[in-house]
Amino acid sequence: MPLSQLAETLIGSEIVRLGGEIKEKIRQGAHIYNFTVGDFDPAIFPIPKELEQGIIEAYQKKQTNYPAAEGNLDLRETLSAFIQERQKLNYSINEIVVAAGGRPLIYTIFRTVCDKGDKVIYAVPSWNNNHYTHFVEGEHVVIETTEQTHFMPTAESIRPHIKNASLLSLCSPQNPTGTTFRKEELEAICDLVLEENSRRGPNEKKLYVMYDQMYWHL
């Protein structure tokens, strides 16, 4: 029975497949530290005791309702203060959205920014950019990275593709390589984006940057 074009052309997540294979090997007795997905063995990487106690107290206080769609107010206030303290950036609570993991937010960004046929620039190897670009029927602009660039895209590798692009997807530390941008290289990429956007007219869509730094504080 035919389904939608999207459903008919989907491919499975490579990282989920690999994670499943590793879990099966562990189940069979292999001694493996599984770093394939960001959901580590709690026996090895337990949550902080303070969070554990806070979860228990919240449950005991019957705080079991759905959280606010944008994230609870007290959490967003705390995040605003944290970002100001650690990164010296001012984000109001209305500029902060909290979700249960990165996937919903990344999907929302792609849906918000990209129309069918829009160019999406991303480096490989990287986490699931190919799938999100497929979801929005975007044009894949894939930058092959190498050990010489620490498996990170550079301003010069992005430059030939930047014209008319809608989204530039960056991640640091990069997933799955764990490598990070050098300060100078990230600044060069930002300058490139600003330069491109300065050429676009007031009614043209700007080039947006999705910067995933989920693990920066580790």
Protein backbone atom coordinates (compact mmCIF):
# COMPACT_ATOMS: atom_id res chain seq x y z
CA MET A 1 0.00 0.00 0.00
CA PRO A 2 1.60 3.31 -1.06
CA LEU A 3 2.41 5.87 1.61
CA SER A 4 3.61 9.47 1.36
CA GLN A 5 6.68 10.26 -0.71
CA LEU A 6 8.50 11.12 2.51
CA ALA A 7 7.64 7.80 4.14
CA GLU A 8 8.54 5.84 1.02
CA THR A 9 11.99 7.43 0.79
CA LEU A 10 13.01 7.45 4.45
CA ILE A 11 16.13 5.58 5.52
CA GLY A 12 16.86 4.42 9.03
CA SER A 13 19.09 6.42 11.36
CA GLU A 14 22.67 5.22 11.04
CA ILE A 15 23.51 6.07 14.64
CA VAL A 16 20.44 4.25 15.98
CA ARG A 17 21.37 1.18 13.93
CA LEU A 18 24.94 1.26 15.22
CA GLY A 19 23.75 1.80 18.78
CA GLY A 20 21.46 -1.21 18.50
CA GLU A 21 24.31 -3.38 17.24
CA ILE A 22 26.52 -2.33 20.16
CA LYS A 23 23.75 -3.00 22.69
CA GLU A 24 23.30 -6.49 21.28
CA LYS A 25 27.03 -7.19 21.63
CA ILE A 26 26.89 -5.98 25.24
CA ARG A 27 23.87 -8.21 25.88
CA GLN A 28 25.90 -11.14 24.59
CA GLY A 29 28.65 -10.39 27.09
CA ALA A 30 31.08 -8.14 25.22
CA HIS A 31 32.80 -5.51 27.39
CA ILE A 32 32.11 -2.28 25.49
CA TYR A 33 31.69 1.33 26.55
CA ASN A 34 28.81 2.49 24.36
CA PHE A 35 29.27 6.11 23.26
CA THR A 36 27.17 5.82 20.11
CA VAL A 37 24.27 7.92 21.41
CA GLY A 38 23.99 10.47 24.21
CA ASP A 39 22.23 8.08 26.58
CA PHE A 40 25.00 6.51 28.60
CA ASP A 41 24.95 3.64 31.09
CA PRO A 42 23.75 5.20 34.38
CA ALA A 43 25.84 2.69 36.31
CA ILE A 44 28.93 4.36 34.81
CA PHE A 45 27.64 7.91 34.28
CA PRO A 46 24.97 8.51 36.94
CA ILE A 47 23.11 11.80 37.08
CA PRO A 48 24.37 14.19 39.80
CA LYS A 49 23.10 13.44 43.29
CA GLU A 50 21.55 16.90 43.50
CA LEU A 51 19.42 16.21 40.43
CA GLU A 52 18.47 12.77 41.70
CA GLN A 53 17.23 14.25 44.96
CA GLY A 54 15.44 17.06 43.13
CA ILE A 55 13.57 14.53 40.96
CA ILE A 56 12.47 12.62 44.06
CA GLU A 57 11.29 15.80 45.78
CA ALA A 58 9.36 16.94 42.69
CA TYR A 59 7.62 13.58 42.48
CA GLN A 60 6.77 13.67 46.17
CA LYS A 61 5.25 17.13 45.65
CA LYS A 62 3.05 15.66 42.88
CA GLN A 63 4.74 17.75 40.19
CA THR A 64 3.75 15.28 37.48
CA ASN A 65 1.82 17.49 35.03
CA TYR A 66 3.02 18.23 31.53
CA PRO A 67 5.66 20.97 31.54
CA ALA A 68 5.01 24.17 29.61
CA ALA A 69 5.43 23.69 25.86
CA GLU A 70 8.28 26.22 25.80
CA GLY A 71 9.82 24.92 29.05
CA ASN A 72 8.92 25.80 32.62
CA LEU A 73 9.40 29.45 33.54
CA ASP A 74 11.76 28.84 36.47
CA LEU A 75 13.99 26.65 34.29
CA ARG A 76 14.16 29.25 31.51
CA GLU A 77 14.98 31.96 34.07
CA THR A 78 17.81 29.81 35.40
CA LEU A 79 19.09 29.13 31.90
CA SER A 80 19.04 32.83 31.06
CA ALA A 81 21.19 33.55 34.12
CA PHE A 82 23.50 30.61 33.36
CA ILE A 83 24.12 31.76 29.78
CA GLN A 84 24.85 35.29 31.00
CA GLU A 85 27.28 34.02 33.64
CA ARG A 86 29.15 31.47 31.52
CA GLN A 87 28.99 32.94 28.02
CA LYS A 88 28.36 36.65 28.65
CA LEU A 89 25.34 36.54 26.33
CA ASN A 90 22.01 38.17 27.10
CA TYR A 91 18.99 36.03 26.23
CA SER A 92 15.62 36.85 27.73
CA ILE A 93 13.31 34.06 28.86
CA ASN A 94 11.20 34.67 25.74
CA GLU A 95 14.21 33.76 23.60
CA ILE A 96 14.77 30.41 25.33
CA VAL A 97 12.93 27.19 24.50
CA VAL A 98 13.43 23.89 26.33
CA ALA A 99 12.66 20.47 24.87
CA ALA A 100 13.17 16.83 25.86
CA GLY A 101 16.39 16.31 23.93
CA GLY A 102 17.93 17.85 20.85
CA ARG A 103 15.89 16.10 18.15
CA PRO A 104 12.63 18.08 18.55
CA LEU A 105 14.49 21.40 18.54
CA ILE A 106 16.61 20.52 15.51
CA TYR A 107 13.55 19.34 13.61
CA THR A 108 11.73 22.55 14.53
CA ILE A 109 14.64 24.68 13.30
CA PHE A 110 14.73 22.89 9.95
CA ARG A 111 10.95 23.24 9.56
CA THR A 112 11.03 26.90 10.58
CA VAL A 113 13.84 27.95 8.26
CA CYS A 114 13.72 25.67 5.23
CA ASP A 115 11.28 25.39 2.35
CA LYS A 116 11.29 22.67 -0.28
CA GLY A 117 14.40 22.95 -2.42
CA ASP A 118 16.30 25.22 -0.02
CA LYS A 119 20.04 24.64 0.28
CA VAL A 120 21.23 23.17 3.57
CA ILE A 121 24.99 23.13 4.15
CA TYR A 122 26.44 20.56 6.54
CA ALA A 123 29.68 18.70 7.08
CA VAL A 124 30.21 14.95 7.19
CA PRO A 125 30.66 13.00 9.29
CA SER A 126 27.93 14.59 11.38
CA TRP A 127 24.80 13.60 13.21
CA ASN A 128 21.61 13.15 11.18
CA ASN A 129 21.79 16.34 9.11
CA ASN A 130 21.03 14.21 6.05
CA HIS A 131 17.77 13.02 7.61
CA TYR A 132 16.54 16.47 8.63
CA THR A 133 17.35 17.86 5.20
CA HIS A 134 15.36 15.01 3.68
CA PHE A 135 12.40 15.77 5.96
CA VAL A 136 12.14 19.31 4.58
CA GLU A 137 12.93 18.23 0.99
CA GLY A 138 15.95 20.49 1.00
CA GLU A 139 18.99 20.44 -1.26
CA HIS A 140 21.87 18.59 0.42
CA VAL A 141 25.14 20.53 0.27
CA VAL A 142 27.62 18.14 1.83
CA ILE A 143 31.12 19.23 2.86
CA GLU A 144 33.52 16.31 3.21
CA THR A 145 35.88 16.92 6.13
CA THR A 146 39.27 15.37 6.76
CA GLU A 147 41.69 14.71 9.57
CA GLN A 148 43.68 17.74 8.39
CA THR A 149 40.76 20.01 9.34
CA HIS A 150 40.00 18.01 12.50
CA PHE A 151 36.84 16.78 10.76
CA MET A 152 35.38 20.29 10.96
CA PRO A 153 34.17 22.49 8.10
CA THR A 154 36.20 25.59 7.33
CA ALA A 155 35.22 28.99 5.99
CA GLU A 156 36.97 28.21 2.71
CA SER A 157 35.16 24.89 2.30
CA ILE A 158 31.81 26.63 2.94
CA ARG A 159 32.43 29.68 0.73
CA PRO A 160 31.72 28.06 -2.69
CA HIS A 161 28.29 26.86 -1.52
CA ILE A 162 27.03 29.77 0.52
CA LYS A 163 25.19 31.71 -2.19
CA ASN A 164 21.42 31.32 -1.80
CA ALA A 165 21.78 28.80 1.03
CA SER A 166 19.11 28.93 3.74
CA LEU A 167 20.70 26.99 6.59
CA LEU A 168 24.24 26.29 7.72
CA SER A 169 24.35 23.48 10.28
CA LEU A 170 27.35 23.53 12.62
CA CYS A 171 28.19 21.39 15.63
CA SER A 172 31.01 21.71 18.16
CA PRO A 173 32.04 19.37 19.67
CA GLN A 174 31.28 17.58 16.43
CA ASN A 175 29.20 14.44 16.64
CA PRO A 176 30.53 11.73 16.18
CA THR A 177 34.19 12.82 16.00
CA GLY A 178 34.34 14.84 19.23
CA THR A 179 36.51 17.51 17.58
CA THR A 180 35.90 21.23 18.05
CA PHE A 181 36.26 24.49 16.17
CA ARG A 182 39.32 26.61 16.66
CA LYS A 183 38.30 30.13 17.70
CA GLU A 184 39.84 31.68 14.59
CA GLU A 185 38.06 29.29 12.24
CA LEU A 186 34.66 29.81 13.84
CA GLU A 187 35.15 33.58 13.62
CA ALA A 188 36.00 33.24 9.92
CA ILE A 189 32.80 31.26 9.31
CA CYS A 190 30.73 33.86 11.18
CA ASP A 191 32.31 36.65 9.13
CA LEU A 192 31.46 34.71 5.98
CA VAL A 193 27.80 34.43 7.03
CA LEU A 194 27.59 38.13 7.88
CA GLU A 195 29.15 39.01 4.54
CA GLU A 196 26.65 36.82 2.68
CA ASN A 197 23.66 38.23 4.56
CA SER A 198 24.78 41.79 3.88
CA ARG A 199 24.37 41.06 0.16
CA ARG A 200 20.78 39.87 0.51
CA GLY A 201 17.89 42.26 0.06
CA PRO A 202 15.31 43.14 2.74
CA ASN A 203 12.76 40.72 1.27
CA GLU A 204 15.22 37.86 0.82
CA LYS A 205 15.57 35.07 3.35
CA LYS A 206 18.80 35.40 5.30
CA LEU A 207 21.28 32.57 5.80
CA TYR A 208 20.57 31.09 9.20
CA VAL A 209 23.10 29.22 11.33
CA MET A 210 22.12 26.33 13.55
CA TYR A 211 24.95 26.00 16.06
CA ASP A 212 24.71 22.83 18.12
CA GLN A 213 26.99 22.97 21.15
CA MET A 214 25.02 20.59 23.34
CA TYR A 215 28.13 19.18 25.03
CA TRP A 216 30.13 22.41 25.30
CA HIS A 217 30.04 22.43 29.09
CA LEU A 218 31.56 18.96 29.41
